[in-house]
N, C-alpha and C. Protein backbone atom coordinates (compact mmCIF):
# COMPACT_ATOMS: atom_id res chain seq x y z
N MET A 1 14.41 -48.05 -80.73
CA MET A 1 13.42 -49.00 -80.75
C MET A 1 13.12 -49.52 -82.62
N ASN A 2 12.87 -50.85 -82.40
CA ASN A 2 12.59 -51.33 -83.70
C ASN A 2 11.37 -50.98 -84.18
N GLU A 3 11.33 -49.84 -85.30
CA GLU A 3 10.05 -49.17 -85.44
C GLU A 3 8.87 -50.18 -86.36
N LYS A 4 9.68 -51.17 -87.21
CA LYS A 4 8.81 -52.09 -87.99
C LYS A 4 8.37 -53.32 -86.74
N LEU A 5 9.01 -53.57 -86.00
CA LEU A 5 8.44 -54.37 -84.99
C LEU A 5 7.49 -53.87 -84.35
N ALA A 6 7.38 -52.69 -83.80
CA ALA A 6 6.53 -51.88 -83.11
C ALA A 6 5.35 -51.90 -83.77
N THR A 7 5.30 -51.22 -85.32
CA THR A 7 4.13 -51.33 -85.88
C THR A 7 3.64 -52.60 -86.26
N LEU A 8 4.27 -53.72 -86.82
CA LEU A 8 3.76 -54.84 -86.58
C LEU A 8 2.84 -55.43 -85.47
N ALA A 9 3.47 -55.19 -84.49
CA ALA A 9 2.88 -55.80 -83.14
C ALA A 9 1.55 -54.93 -82.81
N THR A 10 1.64 -53.38 -82.88
CA THR A 10 0.41 -52.69 -82.86
C THR A 10 -0.62 -53.06 -83.72
N GLU A 11 -0.24 -53.21 -84.68
CA GLU A 11 -1.33 -53.51 -85.92
C GLU A 11 -2.08 -54.98 -85.37
N ALA A 12 -1.08 -55.89 -84.95
CA ALA A 12 -1.82 -57.23 -84.79
C ALA A 12 -2.56 -57.05 -83.41
N ALA A 13 -2.26 -56.32 -82.44
CA ALA A 13 -3.03 -56.18 -81.25
C ALA A 13 -4.30 -55.64 -81.86
N THR A 14 -4.32 -54.58 -82.35
CA THR A 14 -5.45 -53.74 -82.67
C THR A 14 -6.22 -54.62 -83.51
N LYS A 15 -5.94 -55.56 -84.41
CA LYS A 15 -6.58 -56.42 -85.39
C LYS A 15 -7.41 -57.56 -84.51
N ILE A 16 -6.72 -57.91 -83.20
CA ILE A 16 -7.35 -58.85 -82.42
C ILE A 16 -8.50 -58.18 -81.51
N LEU A 17 -8.20 -57.04 -80.96
CA LEU A 17 -8.92 -56.50 -79.85
C LEU A 17 -10.18 -55.69 -80.64
N THR A 18 -9.93 -54.87 -81.55
CA THR A 18 -10.94 -54.23 -82.19
C THR A 18 -12.39 -54.86 -82.35
N PRO A 19 -12.26 -56.23 -83.28
CA PRO A 19 -13.48 -56.83 -83.34
C PRO A 19 -14.20 -57.54 -82.14
N LEU A 20 -13.42 -57.58 -80.98
CA LEU A 20 -13.93 -57.90 -79.61
C LEU A 20 -14.60 -57.16 -78.98
N GLY A 21 -14.47 -55.85 -79.20
CA GLY A 21 -15.28 -54.58 -78.87
C GLY A 21 -14.58 -54.03 -77.54
N PHE A 22 -13.43 -54.45 -77.29
CA PHE A 22 -12.84 -53.84 -76.19
C PHE A 22 -12.43 -52.28 -76.45
N GLU A 23 -12.49 -51.30 -75.27
CA GLU A 23 -11.93 -50.11 -75.57
C GLU A 23 -10.62 -50.48 -74.82
N PHE A 24 -9.73 -49.69 -75.88
CA PHE A 24 -8.30 -49.70 -75.46
C PHE A 24 -7.33 -48.63 -76.14
N LYS A 25 -6.35 -48.47 -75.54
CA LYS A 25 -5.33 -47.64 -76.13
C LYS A 25 -3.76 -48.49 -76.08
N LEU A 26 -3.23 -48.33 -76.97
CA LEU A 26 -1.98 -49.05 -77.26
C LEU A 26 -0.62 -48.12 -77.38
N GLU A 27 0.30 -48.75 -76.70
CA GLU A 27 1.75 -47.89 -76.63
C GLU A 27 2.81 -48.64 -76.95
N ALA A 28 3.71 -48.57 -77.76
CA ALA A 28 4.87 -49.67 -78.20
C ALA A 28 6.21 -48.73 -77.32
N ALA A 29 6.75 -49.38 -76.74
CA ALA A 29 8.06 -49.02 -76.00
C ALA A 29 9.13 -50.20 -76.35
N PRO A 30 10.44 -49.55 -76.20
CA PRO A 30 11.36 -50.74 -76.27
C PRO A 30 11.66 -51.51 -74.95
N TYR A 31 11.67 -52.85 -75.21
CA TYR A 31 11.78 -53.96 -73.85
C TYR A 31 12.91 -54.67 -74.30
N GLU A 32 13.85 -54.54 -73.25
CA GLU A 32 14.96 -55.55 -73.64
C GLU A 32 15.69 -55.56 -75.25
N GLU A 33 15.71 -56.60 -75.91
CA GLU A 33 16.10 -56.65 -77.03
C GLU A 33 15.22 -56.30 -77.92
N SER A 34 13.76 -56.02 -77.67
CA SER A 34 12.59 -56.11 -78.41
C SER A 34 11.60 -55.11 -78.57
N VAL A 35 10.32 -55.08 -78.35
CA VAL A 35 9.23 -54.29 -78.13
C VAL A 35 8.17 -54.59 -77.34
N GLN A 36 7.80 -53.89 -76.53
CA GLN A 36 6.62 -53.96 -75.47
C GLN A 36 5.52 -53.56 -76.22
N ILE A 37 4.25 -53.96 -76.25
CA ILE A 37 3.20 -53.31 -76.38
C ILE A 37 2.35 -53.34 -75.11
N MET A 38 1.98 -52.15 -74.57
CA MET A 38 1.22 -51.93 -73.28
C MET A 38 -0.32 -51.55 -73.81
N ILE A 39 -1.11 -52.01 -73.13
CA ILE A 39 -2.68 -52.03 -73.43
C ILE A 39 -3.05 -51.32 -72.18
N GLU A 40 -3.74 -50.25 -72.46
CA GLU A 40 -4.62 -49.80 -71.46
C GLU A 40 -5.85 -49.78 -71.59
N SER A 41 -6.74 -50.17 -70.62
CA SER A 41 -8.22 -50.20 -71.09
C SER A 41 -9.25 -50.44 -69.91
N PRO A 42 -10.26 -50.02 -69.66
CA PRO A 42 -11.28 -49.99 -68.64
C PRO A 42 -11.52 -51.44 -68.67
N ASP A 43 -11.18 -52.59 -69.78
CA ASP A 43 -11.69 -53.63 -69.62
C ASP A 43 -10.27 -54.73 -69.24
N ALA A 44 -9.39 -54.05 -68.46
CA ALA A 44 -8.19 -54.87 -68.47
C ALA A 44 -8.25 -56.23 -67.54
N ARG A 45 -9.20 -56.29 -66.53
CA ARG A 45 -9.28 -57.48 -66.01
C ARG A 45 -9.96 -58.66 -66.98
N PHE A 46 -10.58 -58.25 -68.15
CA PHE A 46 -11.00 -59.46 -68.97
C PHE A 46 -9.78 -59.67 -70.01
N LEU A 47 -9.01 -58.68 -70.39
CA LEU A 47 -7.86 -58.87 -70.90
C LEU A 47 -6.88 -59.72 -70.39
N ILE A 48 -6.42 -59.43 -69.12
CA ILE A 48 -5.48 -60.32 -68.58
C ILE A 48 -5.81 -61.43 -68.10
N GLY A 49 -7.35 -61.89 -67.63
CA GLY A 49 -7.65 -63.15 -67.39
C GLY A 49 -7.20 -63.68 -66.01
N GLU A 50 -7.42 -64.79 -65.50
CA GLU A 50 -6.95 -65.37 -64.46
C GLU A 50 -5.30 -65.62 -64.61
N ASP A 51 -4.43 -64.86 -63.52
CA ASP A 51 -3.22 -65.09 -63.38
C ASP A 51 -2.60 -65.00 -64.74
N GLY A 52 -2.91 -63.97 -65.59
CA GLY A 52 -2.62 -63.51 -66.75
C GLY A 52 -2.59 -64.60 -67.97
N ASP A 53 -3.52 -65.49 -67.86
CA ASP A 53 -3.60 -66.66 -68.72
C ASP A 53 -4.05 -66.04 -70.04
N ARG A 54 -5.29 -65.09 -70.17
CA ARG A 54 -5.67 -64.58 -71.55
C ARG A 54 -4.54 -63.66 -72.22
N LEU A 55 -3.83 -62.69 -71.06
CA LEU A 55 -2.83 -62.01 -71.69
C LEU A 55 -1.77 -62.79 -72.15
N ASP A 56 -1.28 -63.88 -71.61
CA ASP A 56 -0.40 -64.77 -72.32
C ASP A 56 -0.97 -65.24 -73.79
N ASP A 57 -2.34 -65.63 -73.67
CA ASP A 57 -2.61 -65.89 -75.28
C ASP A 57 -2.74 -64.78 -76.15
N LEU A 58 -3.15 -63.69 -75.65
CA LEU A 58 -2.82 -62.34 -76.59
C LEU A 58 -1.47 -62.13 -77.24
N GLN A 59 -0.86 -62.41 -76.31
CA GLN A 59 0.79 -62.10 -76.53
C GLN A 59 1.36 -63.23 -77.49
N TYR A 60 0.91 -64.46 -77.35
CA TYR A 60 1.11 -65.70 -78.55
C TYR A 60 0.69 -65.39 -79.54
N LEU A 61 -0.74 -64.73 -79.80
CA LEU A 61 -1.54 -64.27 -80.85
C LEU A 61 -0.56 -63.34 -81.77
N VAL A 62 -0.63 -62.22 -81.04
CA VAL A 62 0.52 -61.16 -81.46
C VAL A 62 1.60 -61.32 -82.20
N ASN A 63 2.15 -62.34 -81.48
CA ASN A 63 3.48 -62.91 -82.10
C ASN A 63 3.52 -63.84 -83.42
N ARG A 64 2.37 -64.50 -83.08
CA ARG A 64 2.36 -65.39 -84.41
C ARG A 64 1.94 -64.59 -85.42
N MET A 65 1.36 -63.34 -85.18
CA MET A 65 0.83 -62.52 -86.49
C MET A 65 2.03 -61.64 -86.86
N VAL A 66 2.86 -61.35 -85.85
CA VAL A 66 4.16 -60.46 -86.44
C VAL A 66 4.93 -61.43 -87.06
N GLN A 67 5.30 -62.76 -86.91
CA GLN A 67 5.92 -63.68 -87.34
C GLN A 67 5.47 -64.04 -88.75
N ALA A 68 4.55 -64.14 -88.83
CA ALA A 68 3.71 -64.48 -90.31
C ALA A 68 4.09 -63.35 -91.39
N GLU A 69 4.48 -61.87 -90.84
CA GLU A 69 5.09 -60.83 -91.60
C GLU A 69 6.31 -60.94 -91.71
N TRP A 70 6.98 -61.16 -90.84
CA TRP A 70 8.50 -61.14 -90.38
C TRP A 70 8.98 -62.51 -89.67
N GLU A 71 9.23 -63.39 -90.58
CA GLU A 71 9.74 -64.44 -89.93
C GLU A 71 10.74 -64.77 -88.67
N ASP A 72 11.88 -64.03 -89.03
CA ASP A 72 12.70 -63.71 -87.65
C ASP A 72 12.74 -62.59 -86.57
N ALA A 73 11.37 -62.29 -86.48
CA ALA A 73 11.24 -61.25 -85.71
C ALA A 73 11.42 -61.50 -84.27
N PRO A 74 12.08 -60.49 -83.57
CA PRO A 74 12.22 -60.58 -82.01
C PRO A 74 10.74 -60.85 -81.62
N ARG A 75 10.50 -61.68 -80.24
CA ARG A 75 9.52 -61.88 -79.58
C ARG A 75 9.07 -60.45 -78.87
N VAL A 76 7.69 -60.17 -79.00
CA VAL A 76 7.16 -58.96 -78.63
C VAL A 76 6.64 -59.57 -77.09
N ARG A 77 6.71 -58.64 -76.14
CA ARG A 77 5.98 -58.56 -74.78
C ARG A 77 4.96 -57.87 -75.09
N VAL A 78 3.94 -58.39 -74.45
CA VAL A 78 2.27 -57.82 -74.31
C VAL A 78 2.08 -57.40 -73.00
N ASP A 79 1.55 -56.45 -72.38
CA ASP A 79 1.41 -56.16 -71.24
C ASP A 79 -0.16 -55.36 -70.88
N CYS A 80 -0.72 -55.40 -70.06
CA CYS A 80 -2.00 -54.79 -69.96
C CYS A 80 -2.02 -54.08 -68.64
N ASP A 81 -2.09 -52.92 -68.48
CA ASP A 81 -1.91 -52.07 -67.50
C ASP A 81 -1.12 -52.67 -66.31
N HIS A 82 0.21 -52.65 -66.83
CA HIS A 82 1.21 -53.11 -66.01
C HIS A 82 1.08 -54.28 -65.33
N TYR A 83 0.06 -55.03 -65.70
CA TYR A 83 0.07 -56.57 -65.01
C TYR A 83 1.26 -57.25 -64.88
N ARG A 84 1.96 -57.58 -65.98
CA ARG A 84 3.09 -58.21 -65.95
C ARG A 84 4.24 -57.65 -65.12
N GLU A 85 4.36 -56.31 -65.06
CA GLU A 85 5.48 -55.93 -64.26
C GLU A 85 5.24 -56.14 -62.88
N ARG A 86 4.00 -56.11 -62.40
CA ARG A 86 3.65 -56.10 -60.86
C ARG A 86 3.86 -57.58 -60.67
N ALA A 87 3.46 -58.68 -61.52
CA ALA A 87 3.32 -60.06 -61.42
C ALA A 87 4.89 -60.50 -61.29
N GLU A 88 5.72 -59.84 -62.16
CA GLU A 88 7.21 -60.12 -61.97
C GLU A 88 7.78 -59.55 -60.76
N GLU A 89 7.41 -58.59 -60.25
CA GLU A 89 8.08 -58.08 -59.14
C GLU A 89 7.76 -58.87 -57.86
N LYS A 90 6.20 -59.52 -57.68
CA LYS A 90 5.92 -60.19 -56.78
C LYS A 90 6.48 -61.57 -56.72
N LEU A 91 6.78 -62.29 -58.17
CA LEU A 91 7.38 -63.48 -58.09
C LEU A 91 8.85 -63.25 -57.56
N LEU A 92 9.40 -62.58 -58.08
CA LEU A 92 10.93 -62.32 -57.63
C LEU A 92 11.06 -61.95 -55.88
N ARG A 93 10.04 -61.02 -55.63
CA ARG A 93 10.00 -61.18 -54.04
C ARG A 93 9.88 -62.41 -53.35
N ARG A 94 8.96 -63.10 -53.88
CA ARG A 94 8.80 -64.65 -53.23
C ARG A 94 10.08 -65.66 -53.44
N ALA A 95 10.74 -65.55 -54.58
CA ALA A 95 11.86 -66.13 -54.78
C ALA A 95 12.95 -65.62 -53.96
N ARG A 96 12.98 -64.60 -53.79
CA ARG A 96 14.09 -63.98 -52.96
C ARG A 96 14.11 -64.24 -51.46
N SER A 97 12.79 -64.21 -51.19
CA SER A 97 12.43 -64.73 -49.52
C SER A 97 12.53 -65.95 -49.25
N ARG A 98 12.55 -67.05 -50.44
CA ARG A 98 12.66 -68.56 -50.22
C ARG A 98 14.33 -68.50 -50.25
N ALA A 99 15.00 -67.87 -51.01
CA ALA A 99 16.41 -67.90 -50.97
C ALA A 99 16.87 -67.38 -49.46
N GLU A 100 16.45 -66.43 -48.96
CA GLU A 100 16.87 -65.76 -47.54
C GLU A 100 16.68 -67.24 -46.74
N ARG A 101 15.46 -68.01 -46.55
CA ARG A 101 15.12 -68.76 -45.66
C ARG A 101 16.07 -69.99 -46.12
N VAL A 102 16.41 -70.31 -47.33
CA VAL A 102 17.43 -71.43 -47.49
C VAL A 102 18.65 -70.91 -46.96
N LEU A 103 19.22 -69.85 -47.12
CA LEU A 103 20.45 -69.34 -46.49
C LEU A 103 20.40 -69.49 -44.88
N GLU A 104 19.36 -69.31 -44.21
CA GLU A 104 19.06 -69.46 -42.91
C GLU A 104 18.91 -70.72 -42.23
N THR A 105 18.17 -71.82 -43.26
CA THR A 105 17.97 -73.00 -42.60
C THR A 105 18.74 -73.91 -43.16
N GLY A 106 19.62 -73.73 -44.45
CA GLY A 106 20.41 -74.69 -45.16
C GLY A 106 19.22 -75.69 -45.70
N LYS A 107 18.18 -75.67 -45.74
CA LYS A 107 16.99 -76.80 -46.33
C LYS A 107 16.29 -76.06 -47.82
N PRO A 108 16.56 -77.07 -48.82
CA PRO A 108 16.28 -76.66 -50.11
C PRO A 108 14.59 -76.32 -50.05
N LEU A 109 14.31 -75.49 -50.84
CA LEU A 109 12.94 -74.91 -51.16
C LEU A 109 12.32 -75.11 -52.43
N GLN A 110 11.26 -75.06 -52.77
CA GLN A 110 10.98 -75.24 -53.92
C GLN A 110 10.01 -73.92 -54.46
N MET A 111 9.97 -73.49 -55.86
CA MET A 111 8.76 -72.58 -55.82
C MET A 111 7.76 -73.15 -56.77
N GLU A 112 6.74 -72.56 -56.91
CA GLU A 112 5.49 -73.18 -57.40
C GLU A 112 5.78 -73.49 -59.02
N LYS A 113 5.00 -73.97 -59.63
CA LYS A 113 5.15 -74.40 -61.12
C LYS A 113 5.59 -73.24 -61.97
N LEU A 114 6.40 -73.06 -62.85
CA LEU A 114 6.57 -71.63 -63.42
C LEU A 114 6.81 -72.26 -65.06
N ASN A 115 6.50 -71.31 -65.71
CA ASN A 115 6.76 -71.28 -67.22
C ASN A 115 8.08 -71.09 -67.41
N ALA A 116 8.68 -71.03 -68.65
CA ALA A 116 10.08 -70.83 -69.11
C ALA A 116 10.37 -69.53 -68.70
N TYR A 117 9.65 -68.67 -69.10
CA TYR A 117 10.15 -67.17 -69.08
C TYR A 117 10.26 -66.77 -67.51
N GLN A 118 9.28 -67.30 -66.65
CA GLN A 118 9.33 -66.92 -65.22
C GLN A 118 10.69 -67.60 -64.26
N ARG A 119 11.05 -69.02 -65.25
CA ARG A 119 12.04 -69.52 -64.43
C ARG A 119 13.29 -68.92 -64.87
N ARG A 120 13.42 -68.17 -65.94
CA ARG A 120 14.64 -67.58 -66.42
C ARG A 120 14.89 -66.30 -65.55
N LEU A 121 13.49 -65.80 -65.21
CA LEU A 121 13.72 -64.43 -64.34
C LEU A 121 14.16 -64.77 -63.11
N VAL A 122 13.41 -66.17 -62.52
CA VAL A 122 14.11 -66.30 -61.24
C VAL A 122 15.57 -66.91 -61.02
N HIS A 123 15.98 -67.80 -62.05
CA HIS A 123 17.38 -68.35 -61.92
C HIS A 123 18.18 -67.24 -62.10
N ASN A 124 17.97 -65.99 -62.89
CA ASN A 124 18.87 -65.02 -62.96
C ASN A 124 18.69 -63.84 -61.86
N ALA A 125 17.72 -63.91 -61.27
CA ALA A 125 17.72 -63.02 -59.96
C ALA A 125 18.47 -63.71 -58.90
N LEU A 126 18.31 -64.85 -58.45
CA LEU A 126 19.06 -65.68 -57.71
C LEU A 126 20.48 -66.00 -58.05
N ALA A 127 21.02 -65.86 -59.02
CA ALA A 127 22.35 -66.29 -59.41
C ALA A 127 23.15 -65.07 -58.68
N GLU A 128 22.56 -63.77 -58.55
CA GLU A 128 23.15 -62.88 -57.96
C GLU A 128 23.46 -62.93 -56.23
N ILE A 129 22.60 -64.03 -55.96
CA ILE A 129 22.84 -64.05 -54.21
C ILE A 129 23.71 -65.07 -53.82
N PRO A 130 24.90 -64.75 -53.41
CA PRO A 130 26.26 -65.55 -52.95
C PRO A 130 25.65 -66.78 -52.11
N GLY A 131 26.02 -68.06 -52.32
CA GLY A 131 25.76 -69.19 -51.75
C GLY A 131 24.47 -69.61 -51.90
N ILE A 132 23.71 -69.46 -53.08
CA ILE A 132 22.40 -70.10 -53.42
C ILE A 132 22.59 -70.43 -54.92
N ARG A 133 22.16 -71.65 -55.26
CA ARG A 133 22.02 -72.40 -56.46
C ARG A 133 20.45 -72.48 -56.97
N THR A 134 20.15 -72.69 -58.22
CA THR A 134 18.63 -72.83 -58.43
C THR A 134 19.09 -74.05 -59.59
N CYS A 135 17.64 -74.85 -59.78
CA CYS A 135 18.17 -75.95 -60.58
C CYS A 135 16.22 -76.37 -60.82
N SER A 136 16.23 -76.31 -61.96
CA SER A 136 14.87 -76.77 -62.61
C SER A 136 14.73 -78.31 -62.50
N GLU A 137 13.18 -78.75 -62.34
CA GLU A 137 13.06 -80.16 -62.43
C GLU A 137 13.20 -80.58 -63.80
N GLU A 138 13.51 -81.98 -63.94
CA GLU A 138 13.87 -82.53 -65.29
C GLU A 138 12.55 -83.24 -65.50
N THR A 139 11.80 -82.46 -66.40
CA THR A 139 10.23 -82.93 -67.03
C THR A 139 10.18 -82.59 -68.35
N ASP A 140 9.24 -83.12 -69.04
CA ASP A 140 9.15 -82.71 -70.41
C ASP A 140 7.49 -81.58 -70.11
N SER A 141 7.44 -81.12 -69.02
CA SER A 141 6.10 -80.33 -68.57
C SER A 141 6.68 -78.97 -69.13
N ARG A 142 5.89 -78.14 -69.72
CA ARG A 142 5.73 -76.77 -69.97
C ARG A 142 6.16 -76.03 -68.76
N PHE A 143 5.36 -76.27 -67.48
CA PHE A 143 5.79 -75.70 -66.31
C PHE A 143 6.23 -76.66 -65.48
N LYS A 144 7.57 -76.06 -64.72
CA LYS A 144 8.47 -76.48 -63.92
C LYS A 144 8.81 -76.01 -62.61
N ARG A 145 9.14 -76.70 -61.77
CA ARG A 145 9.15 -76.04 -60.47
C ARG A 145 11.01 -75.98 -60.33
N ILE A 146 11.31 -74.97 -59.56
CA ILE A 146 12.66 -74.68 -59.56
C ILE A 146 12.96 -74.99 -58.03
N THR A 147 13.95 -75.61 -57.60
CA THR A 147 14.48 -75.95 -56.39
C THR A 147 15.63 -75.02 -56.02
N ILE A 148 15.39 -74.17 -54.87
CA ILE A 148 16.48 -73.30 -54.38
C ILE A 148 17.25 -74.07 -53.23
N SER A 149 18.66 -74.02 -53.35
CA SER A 149 19.28 -74.68 -52.47
C SER A 149 20.65 -74.06 -52.23
N LEU A 150 21.38 -74.55 -51.38
CA LEU A 150 22.71 -74.06 -51.01
C LEU A 150 23.55 -74.23 -51.97
N ALA A 151 24.41 -73.48 -52.45
CA ALA A 151 25.46 -73.48 -53.38
C ALA A 151 26.74 -74.47 -52.63
N GLU A 152 27.25 -75.60 -53.28
CA GLU A 152 28.18 -76.26 -52.57
C GLU A 152 29.72 -75.93 -53.20
């Protein structure tokens, strides 16, 4: 684990959460090529927000603060009470289920609008399924739909 990154990210999260009055505990752990900060808090629902929107904001702020100290720092993942982990598992179950229906019916199906990270997860997971291909819609929007169809 990159200790410098873990220290910077933990300090940034602490600087954000402490003045807000939240009771929390932070733990840094390796995550892919970077670090994940796990927040445990009795106030988790407030930190996570609706569909993880506040957690996304918190992650953005932590990364901006880390990059202010270390310009080329890898992106830090911030999670609270394993919310992201559960949400990603749920997203991938939906994607695999739709891929199975596409294989059964031959008819393309679309996912809901997803951010870039979620789209990458879905594309990678479905790339492992023979006979399935995925493509993101061509738009300037930050949130895009993935179409799941039969591979030709």
